[in-house]
Structures are given as structure tokens and as C-alpha cells.
Amino acid sequence: MSNMELETRVQRAVENFMAGYGCCQSVVAAFADLYGLDEVIAKRIAAGFGGGVGRLRMMCGAVSGIVMLVGLDCGQTEGGDREGKSACYKVVQDLLSQSKAENGSLICAEILGLKGYQKAQNSYVASPRTAEYYKTRPCAAKVESAARIFANYLREKGDGV
């Protein structure tokens, strides 16, 4: 896969986010077709990971997207395949380590600067996507970072998909 094709996917992830999709949906949908996943199904599978998993502000949705894509790329399919599991876990740990180094944390609340975040009443209600929302959130940059980390993984892997 060419550098231009990978860059197009990174930009598609950001465009997805700016169109109102969650961080995880945005990242996964940008690469889903490489694994035979229809974009609608990819967005459904990733939907619950928004807001740091169901808006609980736990693991960043963009980071969750990396994990989902690694599973699609190299996840084992045989239950007793310990080597396959281990190989997948290594890739996840390597890519998440890169994300943490770039973004300071893997935790949504920390990335958003929500110190001492506690689950608020009605915290499951998604924030309206307004111009102010986009100005105050670093999420588009985190989506770009996650998509770029995965694109670089594919580039370094060198065998397309």
C-alpha cells in the first residue's frame, strides 16, 4: 500500500470524526475495508467505544480503534493458539506505547484534562457537536495520531495487509 493511500486513510479518519462519528468509529472505519469489513458494520462494532468506552472516559476511543484494527490484522482465530495471542498482544503493546508517548496518556479523561473525573449523572448523553466542541477537544488530533500509528504499522509491516 502506497504512502499516499495510507495518508488518505489517515485523513479519512479525521473527516469521519469531524462528521460526527466517535473516535473509535473514525479510526476503524478508515481501515475496515482492508479486512473485508463494510464501513457501516465497522462503525456499529466501534460505536460503544466512544467517550472512552460508553462515555466513561476510560481508554481513549482512538486508542481502542488501534486495538480493534490490530485484532483484524493479526488476531489469532484458534482458541489454543498462545503464540498467535502473544504476537497480537505484542503489536498492541508496541502501538499503544507509541500512542502514549505521543499523546501523554491512553486514558480519555486524562487526555481531555478531566482531573478526578467521576461518572456524572446522565454521563451517557453524547455532547452536541458544535463549533465550540471541536475548538475545546483534542480528539481530532488523537484520531489522526491513532490512524497514523496504524498506517505506519502497515507501512513497516510492508506486506500490504
N, C-alpha and C. Protein backbone atom coordinates (compact mmCIF):
# COMPACT_ATOMS: atom_id res chain seq x y z
N MET A 1 0.85 -1.18 0.00
CA MET A 1 0.00 0.00 0.00
C MET A 1 0.90 1.24 0.00
N SER A 2 0.58 2.16 -0.86
CA SER A 2 1.44 3.34 -1.01
C SER A 2 1.29 4.31 0.15
N ASN A 3 2.29 5.15 0.31
CA ASN A 3 2.23 6.20 1.33
C ASN A 3 1.02 7.09 1.11
N MET A 4 0.70 7.39 -0.15
CA MET A 4 -0.44 8.25 -0.45
C MET A 4 -1.75 7.58 -0.02
N GLU A 5 -1.87 6.28 -0.28
CA GLU A 5 -3.08 5.55 0.13
C GLU A 5 -3.22 5.54 1.65
N LEU A 6 -2.13 5.36 2.34
CA LEU A 6 -2.17 5.35 3.80
C LEU A 6 -2.51 6.74 4.33
N GLU A 7 -1.93 7.77 3.73
CA GLU A 7 -2.24 9.15 4.16
C GLU A 7 -3.71 9.47 3.92
N THR A 8 -4.26 8.99 2.83
CA THR A 8 -5.68 9.19 2.54
C THR A 8 -6.53 8.57 3.64
N ARG A 9 -6.14 7.42 4.13
CA ARG A 9 -6.88 6.76 5.22
C ARG A 9 -6.78 7.55 6.52
N VAL A 10 -5.63 8.10 6.79
CA VAL A 10 -5.46 8.94 8.00
C VAL A 10 -6.40 10.14 7.90
N GLN A 11 -6.42 10.79 6.75
CA GLN A 11 -7.30 11.95 6.57
C GLN A 11 -8.77 11.55 6.63
N ARG A 12 -9.10 10.37 6.12
CA ARG A 12 -10.48 9.87 6.19
C ARG A 12 -10.91 9.68 7.65
N ALA A 13 -10.00 9.21 8.48
CA ALA A 13 -10.32 9.04 9.91
C ALA A 13 -10.69 10.39 10.53
N VAL A 14 -9.90 11.42 10.24
CA VAL A 14 -10.19 12.76 10.77
C VAL A 14 -11.51 13.28 10.21
N GLU A 15 -11.74 13.08 8.93
CA GLU A 15 -13.00 13.51 8.32
C GLU A 15 -14.20 12.81 8.96
N ASN A 16 -14.04 11.52 9.26
CA ASN A 16 -15.11 10.78 9.94
C ASN A 16 -15.44 11.44 11.29
N PHE A 17 -14.38 11.77 12.04
CA PHE A 17 -14.61 12.40 13.35
C PHE A 17 -15.31 13.75 13.18
N MET A 18 -14.85 14.54 12.24
CA MET A 18 -15.44 15.86 12.02
C MET A 18 -16.88 15.77 11.50
N ALA A 19 -17.25 14.61 10.97
CA ALA A 19 -18.62 14.39 10.51
C ALA A 19 -19.53 13.91 11.64
N GLY A 20 -18.96 13.75 12.85
CA GLY A 20 -19.79 13.39 14.00
C GLY A 20 -19.61 11.99 14.53
N TYR A 21 -18.76 11.19 13.91
CA TYR A 21 -18.53 9.83 14.41
C TYR A 21 -17.61 9.88 15.62
N GLY A 22 -17.69 8.87 16.46
CA GLY A 22 -16.82 8.77 17.62
C GLY A 22 -15.39 8.47 17.21
N CYS A 23 -14.49 8.65 18.15
CA CYS A 23 -13.06 8.46 17.87
C CYS A 23 -12.76 7.05 17.36
N CYS A 24 -13.30 6.04 18.05
CA CYS A 24 -13.05 4.66 17.65
C CYS A 24 -13.66 4.38 16.28
N GLN A 25 -14.91 4.80 16.09
CA GLN A 25 -15.56 4.61 14.80
C GLN A 25 -14.75 5.23 13.67
N SER A 26 -14.23 6.41 13.92
CA SER A 26 -13.50 7.15 12.90
C SER A 26 -12.25 6.41 12.46
N VAL A 27 -11.52 5.87 13.41
CA VAL A 27 -10.27 5.17 13.11
C VAL A 27 -10.56 3.83 12.44
N VAL A 28 -11.46 3.05 13.02
CA VAL A 28 -11.74 1.71 12.48
C VAL A 28 -12.33 1.80 11.08
N ALA A 29 -13.27 2.70 10.86
CA ALA A 29 -13.92 2.80 9.55
C ALA A 29 -12.94 3.18 8.44
N ALA A 30 -11.90 3.92 8.78
CA ALA A 30 -10.94 4.35 7.76
C ALA A 30 -10.11 3.19 7.19
N PHE A 31 -10.04 2.08 7.93
CA PHE A 31 -9.22 0.93 7.50
C PHE A 31 -10.04 -0.34 7.32
N ALA A 32 -11.31 -0.33 7.69
CA ALA A 32 -12.12 -1.55 7.75
C ALA A 32 -12.15 -2.34 6.46
N ASP A 33 -12.23 -1.66 5.33
CA ASP A 33 -12.34 -2.35 4.04
C ASP A 33 -11.12 -3.23 3.76
N LEU A 34 -9.99 -2.91 4.36
CA LEU A 34 -8.79 -3.73 4.16
C LEU A 34 -8.98 -5.14 4.70
N TYR A 35 -9.94 -5.29 5.61
CA TYR A 35 -10.19 -6.57 6.26
C TYR A 35 -11.55 -7.16 5.89
N GLY A 36 -12.13 -6.64 4.80
CA GLY A 36 -13.39 -7.16 4.34
C GLY A 36 -14.59 -6.71 5.15
N LEU A 37 -14.40 -5.68 5.96
CA LEU A 37 -15.50 -5.16 6.78
C LEU A 37 -16.16 -3.99 6.07
N ASP A 38 -17.45 -4.06 5.95
CA ASP A 38 -18.25 -2.97 5.41
C ASP A 38 -18.17 -1.79 6.41
N GLU A 39 -18.12 -0.57 5.90
CA GLU A 39 -17.95 0.62 6.74
C GLU A 39 -19.07 0.77 7.77
N VAL A 40 -20.30 0.44 7.39
CA VAL A 40 -21.43 0.56 8.32
C VAL A 40 -21.26 -0.42 9.48
N ILE A 41 -20.90 -1.65 9.17
CA ILE A 41 -20.70 -2.66 10.23
C ILE A 41 -19.53 -2.24 11.12
N ALA A 42 -18.46 -1.73 10.52
CA ALA A 42 -17.30 -1.28 11.30
C ALA A 42 -17.72 -0.18 12.27
N LYS A 43 -18.53 0.76 11.80
CA LYS A 43 -18.99 1.86 12.67
C LYS A 43 -19.88 1.34 13.78
N ARG A 44 -20.69 0.34 13.49
CA ARG A 44 -21.54 -0.25 14.54
C ARG A 44 -20.71 -0.97 15.59
N ILE A 45 -19.76 -1.76 15.14
CA ILE A 45 -18.91 -2.51 16.07
C ILE A 45 -18.16 -1.55 16.99
N ALA A 46 -17.70 -0.44 16.45
CA ALA A 46 -16.88 0.51 17.20
C ALA A 46 -17.70 1.54 17.99
N ALA A 47 -19.01 1.60 17.78
CA ALA A 47 -19.84 2.66 18.35
C ALA A 47 -19.77 2.77 19.87
N GLY A 48 -19.74 1.69 20.58
CA GLY A 48 -19.77 1.73 22.04
C GLY A 48 -18.47 2.17 22.69
N PHE A 49 -17.42 2.33 21.90
CA PHE A 49 -16.12 2.69 22.46
C PHE A 49 -15.92 4.21 22.56
N GLY A 50 -16.90 4.98 22.09
CA GLY A 50 -16.79 6.44 22.13
C GLY A 50 -16.76 6.97 23.54
N GLY A 51 -16.15 8.15 23.70
CA GLY A 51 -16.09 8.79 25.01
C GLY A 51 -15.29 7.99 26.02
N GLY A 52 -14.33 7.24 25.54
CA GLY A 52 -13.53 6.43 26.46
C GLY A 52 -14.32 5.24 26.96
N VAL A 53 -15.02 4.55 26.07
CA VAL A 53 -15.87 3.39 26.29
C VAL A 53 -17.18 3.84 26.95
N GLY A 54 -18.18 4.00 26.13
CA GLY A 54 -19.50 4.36 26.63
C GLY A 54 -19.55 5.66 27.40
N ARG A 55 -18.66 6.56 27.04
CA ARG A 55 -18.53 7.88 27.68
C ARG A 55 -18.15 7.79 29.16
N LEU A 56 -17.50 6.70 29.54
CA LEU A 56 -17.00 6.53 30.90
C LEU A 56 -15.62 7.15 31.08
N ARG A 57 -15.04 7.64 29.98
CA ARG A 57 -13.74 8.31 29.99
C ARG A 57 -12.61 7.39 30.41
N MET A 58 -12.71 6.12 30.03
CA MET A 58 -11.65 5.16 30.29
C MET A 58 -10.67 5.19 29.11
N MET A 59 -10.38 4.06 28.48
CA MET A 59 -9.40 4.07 27.39
C MET A 59 -9.94 4.89 26.22
N CYS A 60 -9.11 5.78 25.71
CA CYS A 60 -9.43 6.65 24.58
C CYS A 60 -10.01 5.83 23.42
N GLY A 61 -11.07 6.33 22.82
CA GLY A 61 -11.69 5.64 21.71
C GLY A 61 -10.76 5.47 20.51
N ALA A 62 -9.94 6.47 20.24
CA ALA A 62 -9.00 6.36 19.12
C ALA A 62 -8.01 5.22 19.37
N VAL A 63 -7.59 5.09 20.63
CA VAL A 63 -6.68 4.00 21.02
C VAL A 63 -7.40 2.66 20.91
N SER A 64 -8.67 2.63 21.33
CA SER A 64 -9.46 1.41 21.18
C SER A 64 -9.54 1.01 19.71
N GLY A 65 -9.60 2.01 18.83
CA GLY A 65 -9.61 1.74 17.40
C GLY A 65 -8.35 1.04 16.94
N ILE A 66 -7.21 1.46 17.47
CA ILE A 66 -5.95 0.78 17.15
C ILE A 66 -6.05 -0.68 17.55
N VAL A 67 -6.54 -0.94 18.76
CA VAL A 67 -6.63 -2.31 19.27
C VAL A 67 -7.53 -3.15 18.37
N MET A 68 -8.67 -2.60 17.97
CA MET A 68 -9.58 -3.33 17.10
C MET A 68 -8.93 -3.65 15.76
N LEU A 69 -8.22 -2.68 15.20
CA LEU A 69 -7.57 -2.89 13.91
C LEU A 69 -6.45 -3.92 13.99
N VAL A 70 -5.70 -3.90 15.08
CA VAL A 70 -4.65 -4.91 15.25
C VAL A 70 -5.28 -6.30 15.31
N GLY A 71 -6.40 -6.41 16.02
CA GLY A 71 -7.09 -7.70 16.06
C GLY A 71 -7.50 -8.16 14.66
N LEU A 72 -8.02 -7.23 13.87
CA LEU A 72 -8.39 -7.58 12.50
C LEU A 72 -7.16 -7.97 11.68
N ASP A 73 -6.05 -7.32 11.93
CA ASP A 73 -4.84 -7.56 11.15
C ASP A 73 -4.12 -8.84 11.54
N CYS A 74 -3.99 -9.09 12.82
CA CYS A 74 -3.15 -10.23 13.21
C CYS A 74 -3.70 -11.03 14.39
N GLY A 75 -4.96 -10.83 14.72
CA GLY A 75 -5.55 -11.57 15.83
C GLY A 75 -5.64 -13.06 15.52
N GLN A 76 -5.41 -13.88 16.54
CA GLN A 76 -5.47 -15.33 16.35
C GLN A 76 -6.93 -15.75 16.26
N THR A 77 -7.15 -16.87 15.60
CA THR A 77 -8.51 -17.37 15.41
C THR A 77 -8.71 -18.76 16.00
N GLU A 78 -7.67 -19.33 16.53
CA GLU A 78 -7.75 -20.64 17.19
C GLU A 78 -7.60 -20.41 18.68
N GLY A 79 -8.52 -20.96 19.46
CA GLY A 79 -8.54 -20.73 20.90
C GLY A 79 -7.25 -21.06 21.62
N GLY A 80 -6.61 -22.13 21.26
CA GLY A 80 -5.39 -22.55 21.96
C GLY A 80 -4.10 -21.99 21.38
N ASP A 81 -4.20 -21.07 20.46
CA ASP A 81 -3.03 -20.52 19.78
C ASP A 81 -2.36 -19.45 20.64
N ARG A 82 -1.57 -19.89 21.62
CA ARG A 82 -0.89 -18.95 22.53
C ARG A 82 0.12 -18.09 21.79
N GLU A 83 0.81 -18.65 20.81
CA GLU A 83 1.79 -17.87 20.04
C GLU A 83 1.09 -16.76 19.28
N GLY A 84 -0.05 -17.07 18.67
CA GLY A 84 -0.81 -16.07 17.94
C GLY A 84 -1.31 -14.97 18.86
N LYS A 85 -1.81 -15.35 20.03
CA LYS A 85 -2.27 -14.35 21.01
C LYS A 85 -1.11 -13.46 21.41
N SER A 86 0.01 -14.09 21.71
CA SER A 86 1.18 -13.34 22.16
C SER A 86 1.67 -12.38 21.09
N ALA A 87 1.68 -12.82 19.84
CA ALA A 87 2.12 -11.95 18.74
C ALA A 87 1.18 -10.74 18.62
N CYS A 88 -0.12 -10.98 18.72
CA CYS A 88 -1.10 -9.88 18.65
C CYS A 88 -0.90 -8.93 19.82
N TYR A 89 -0.76 -9.47 21.02
CA TYR A 89 -0.56 -8.63 22.21
C TYR A 89 0.69 -7.78 22.09
N LYS A 90 1.75 -8.34 21.49
CA LYS A 90 2.98 -7.57 21.31
C LYS A 90 2.72 -6.36 20.40
N VAL A 91 2.02 -6.58 19.30
CA VAL A 91 1.72 -5.47 18.39
C VAL A 91 0.87 -4.42 19.12
N VAL A 92 -0.16 -4.87 19.84
CA VAL A 92 -0.99 -3.93 20.60
C VAL A 92 -0.13 -3.11 21.56
N GLN A 93 0.71 -3.78 22.33
CA GLN A 93 1.53 -3.07 23.31
C GLN A 93 2.49 -2.09 22.64
N ASP A 94 3.08 -2.51 21.53
CA ASP A 94 4.01 -1.61 20.81
C ASP A 94 3.29 -0.36 20.30
N LEU A 95 2.12 -0.55 19.68
CA LEU A 95 1.42 0.60 19.10
C LEU A 95 0.83 1.49 20.20
N LEU A 96 0.34 0.89 21.27
CA LEU A 96 -0.20 1.71 22.36
C LEU A 96 0.91 2.45 23.10
N SER A 97 2.08 1.86 23.15
CA SER A 97 3.22 2.56 23.73
C SER A 97 3.56 3.80 22.90
N GLN A 98 3.49 3.67 21.59
CA GLN A 98 3.71 4.83 20.71
C GLN A 98 2.65 5.91 20.95
N SER A 99 1.40 5.47 21.08
CA SER A 99 0.31 6.42 21.30
C SER A 99 0.49 7.16 22.62
N LYS A 100 0.85 6.43 23.66
CA LYS A 100 1.06 7.06 24.97
C LYS A 100 2.21 8.05 24.91
N ALA A 101 3.28 7.69 24.21
CA ALA A 101 4.42 8.60 24.08
C ALA A 101 4.02 9.87 23.33
N GLU A 102 3.20 9.74 22.30
CA GLU A 102 2.78 10.90 21.51
C GLU A 102 1.74 11.76 22.22
N ASN A 103 0.85 11.14 22.97
CA ASN A 103 -0.32 11.83 23.49
C ASN A 103 -0.36 11.98 25.01
N GLY A 104 0.62 11.42 25.69
CA GLY A 104 0.72 11.59 27.14
C GLY A 104 -0.08 10.61 27.96
N SER A 105 -1.07 9.98 27.37
CA SER A 105 -1.91 9.04 28.10
C SER A 105 -2.70 8.21 27.11
N LEU A 106 -3.24 7.10 27.60
CA LEU A 106 -4.17 6.28 26.85
C LEU A 106 -5.59 6.46 27.39
N ILE A 107 -5.72 7.23 28.45
CA ILE A 107 -6.99 7.39 29.17
C ILE A 107 -7.70 8.66 28.70
N CYS A 108 -8.93 8.51 28.27
CA CYS A 108 -9.73 9.62 27.74
C CYS A 108 -9.78 10.79 28.72
N ALA A 109 -10.13 10.53 29.98
CA ALA A 109 -10.26 11.62 30.97
C ALA A 109 -8.97 12.40 31.10
N GLU A 110 -7.83 11.72 31.09
CA GLU A 110 -6.54 12.40 31.21
C GLU A 110 -6.24 13.21 29.95
N ILE A 111 -6.54 12.65 28.80
CA ILE A 111 -6.30 13.37 27.55
C ILE A 111 -7.14 14.64 27.50
N LEU A 112 -8.38 14.56 28.00
CA LEU A 112 -9.27 15.71 28.00
C LEU A 112 -9.02 16.67 29.17
N GLY A 113 -8.11 16.30 30.07
CA GLY A 113 -7.81 17.16 31.21
C GLY A 113 -8.90 17.15 32.27
N LEU A 114 -9.63 16.06 32.37
CA LEU A 114 -10.70 15.94 33.36
C LEU A 114 -10.12 15.33 34.63
N LYS A 115 -9.47 16.13 35.44
CA LYS A 115 -8.82 15.66 36.66
C LYS A 115 -9.86 15.15 37.63
N GLY A 116 -9.59 14.00 38.22
CA GLY A 116 -10.51 13.43 39.20
C GLY A 116 -11.88 13.17 38.62
N TYR A 117 -11.94 12.80 37.34
CA TYR A 117 -13.22 12.59 36.67
C TYR A 117 -14.05 11.55 37.43
N GLN A 118 -15.27 11.89 37.69
CA GLN A 118 -16.24 10.99 38.29
C GLN A 118 -17.40 10.85 37.32
N LYS A 119 -17.97 9.67 37.26
CA LYS A 119 -19.13 9.47 36.40
C LYS A 119 -20.25 10.41 36.85
N ALA A 120 -20.64 11.30 35.96
CA ALA A 120 -21.68 12.27 36.27
C ALA A 120 -23.05 11.69 35.90
N GLN A 121 -24.08 12.21 36.55
CA GLN A 121 -25.43 11.80 36.20
C GLN A 121 -25.67 12.13 34.73
N ASN A 122 -26.30 11.22 34.04
CA ASN A 122 -26.58 11.36 32.61
C ASN A 122 -25.30 11.45 31.77
N SER A 123 -24.21 10.89 32.26
CA SER A 123 -22.96 10.98 31.51
C SER A 123 -22.99 10.18 30.22
N TYR A 124 -24.02 9.38 30.03
CA TYR A 124 -24.13 8.62 28.78
C TYR A 124 -24.62 9.50 27.63
N VAL A 125 -25.05 10.72 27.93
CA VAL A 125 -25.58 11.61 26.89
C VAL A 125 -24.42 12.22 26.10
N ALA A 126 -24.42 11.95 24.82
CA ALA A 126 -23.34 12.46 23.95
C ALA A 126 -23.39 13.98 23.88
N SER A 127 -22.23 14.58 23.84
CA SER A 127 -22.13 16.03 23.72
C SER A 127 -22.54 16.45 22.32
N PRO A 128 -23.25 17.58 22.21
CA PRO A 128 -23.57 18.07 20.87
C PRO A 128 -22.30 18.49 20.14
N ARG A 129 -22.22 18.18 18.87
CA ARG A 129 -21.05 18.52 18.06
C ARG A 129 -21.23 19.92 17.50
N THR A 130 -20.74 20.88 18.24
CA THR A 130 -20.81 22.28 17.83
C THR A 130 -19.41 22.78 17.50
N ALA A 131 -19.33 23.98 16.97
CA ALA A 131 -18.02 24.58 16.69
C ALA A 131 -17.22 24.68 17.98
N GLU A 132 -17.86 25.02 19.08
CA GLU A 132 -17.18 25.12 20.38
C GLU A 132 -16.63 23.77 20.83
N TYR A 133 -17.40 22.72 20.61
CA TYR A 133 -16.97 21.37 20.95
C TYR A 133 -15.64 21.06 20.26
N TYR A 134 -15.59 21.31 18.96
CA TYR A 134 -14.38 21.00 18.20
C TYR A 134 -13.21 21.88 18.61
N LYS A 135 -13.47 23.11 19.05
CA LYS A 135 -12.39 24.01 19.48
C LYS A 135 -11.77 23.56 20.79
N THR A 136 -12.58 22.98 21.67
CA THR A 136 -12.10 22.65 23.01
C THR A 136 -11.64 21.22 23.18
N ARG A 137 -11.81 20.40 22.17
CA ARG A 137 -11.45 18.99 22.27
C ARG A 137 -10.22 18.67 21.43
N PRO A 138 -9.29 17.92 21.99
CA PRO A 138 -8.13 17.49 21.20
C PRO A 138 -8.40 16.22 20.40
N CYS A 139 -9.65 15.78 20.37
CA CYS A 139 -9.98 14.46 19.82
C CYS A 139 -9.60 14.28 18.35
N ALA A 140 -9.81 15.28 17.53
CA ALA A 140 -9.46 15.14 16.10
C ALA A 140 -7.97 14.84 15.96
N ALA A 141 -7.16 15.50 16.77
CA ALA A 141 -5.71 15.24 16.72
C ALA A 141 -5.38 13.84 17.22
N LYS A 142 -6.15 13.34 18.19
CA LYS A 142 -5.91 11.99 18.72
C LYS A 142 -6.34 10.94 17.70
N VAL A 143 -7.42 11.21 16.99
CA VAL A 143 -7.86 10.32 15.91
C VAL A 143 -6.79 10.27 14.82
N GLU A 144 -6.27 11.44 14.46
CA GLU A 144 -5.21 11.48 13.45
C GLU A 144 -3.98 10.71 13.92
N SER A 145 -3.60 10.91 15.17
CA SER A 145 -2.44 10.21 15.72
C SER A 145 -2.65 8.69 15.67
N ALA A 146 -3.80 8.22 16.10
CA ALA A 146 -4.08 6.78 16.12
C ALA A 146 -4.07 6.21 14.70
N ALA A 147 -4.72 6.91 13.78
CA ALA A 147 -4.76 6.43 12.40
C ALA A 147 -3.36 6.42 11.79
N ARG A 148 -2.56 7.42 12.12
CA ARG A 148 -1.19 7.47 11.59
C ARG A 148 -0.33 6.35 12.19
N ILE A 149 -0.50 6.09 13.47
CA ILE A 149 0.25 4.99 14.11
C ILE A 149 -0.08 3.68 13.43
N PHE A 150 -1.37 3.45 13.16
CA PHE A 150 -1.75 2.20 12.50
C PHE A 150 -1.25 2.18 11.06
N ALA A 151 -1.35 3.29 10.36
CA ALA A 151 -0.86 3.37 8.98
C ALA A 151 0.65 3.09 8.94
N ASN A 152 1.39 3.64 9.89
CA ASN A 152 2.84 3.40 9.94
C ASN A 152 3.14 1.93 10.22
N TYR A 153 2.33 1.32 11.07
CA TYR A 153 2.46 -0.13 11.33
C TYR A 153 2.30 -0.90 10.02
N LEU A 154 1.26 -0.58 9.26
CA LEU A 154 1.05 -1.27 7.98
C LEU A 154 2.21 -1.02 7.03
N ARG A 155 2.70 0.22 6.99
CA ARG A 155 3.82 0.58 6.11
C ARG A 155 5.06 -0.24 6.50
N GLU A 156 5.36 -0.30 7.79
CA GLU A 156 6.55 -1.02 8.25
C GLU A 156 6.42 -2.52 8.06
N LYS A 157 5.20 -3.00 8.21
CA LYS A 157 4.93 -4.43 8.01
C LYS A 157 5.22 -4.79 6.57
N GLY A 158 4.90 -3.86 5.67
CA GLY A 158 5.31 -3.97 4.28
C GLY A 158 4.62 -4.97 3.40
N ASP A 159 3.67 -5.72 3.90
CA ASP A 159 3.05 -6.70 3.01
C ASP A 159 1.62 -6.31 2.63
N GLY A 160 1.36 -5.03 2.61
CA GLY A 160 0.01 -4.57 2.26
C GLY A 160 -0.90 -4.73 3.44
N VAL A 161 -1.56 -5.85 3.56
CA VAL A 161 -2.41 -6.17 4.72
C VAL A 161 -2.34 -7.65 4.98
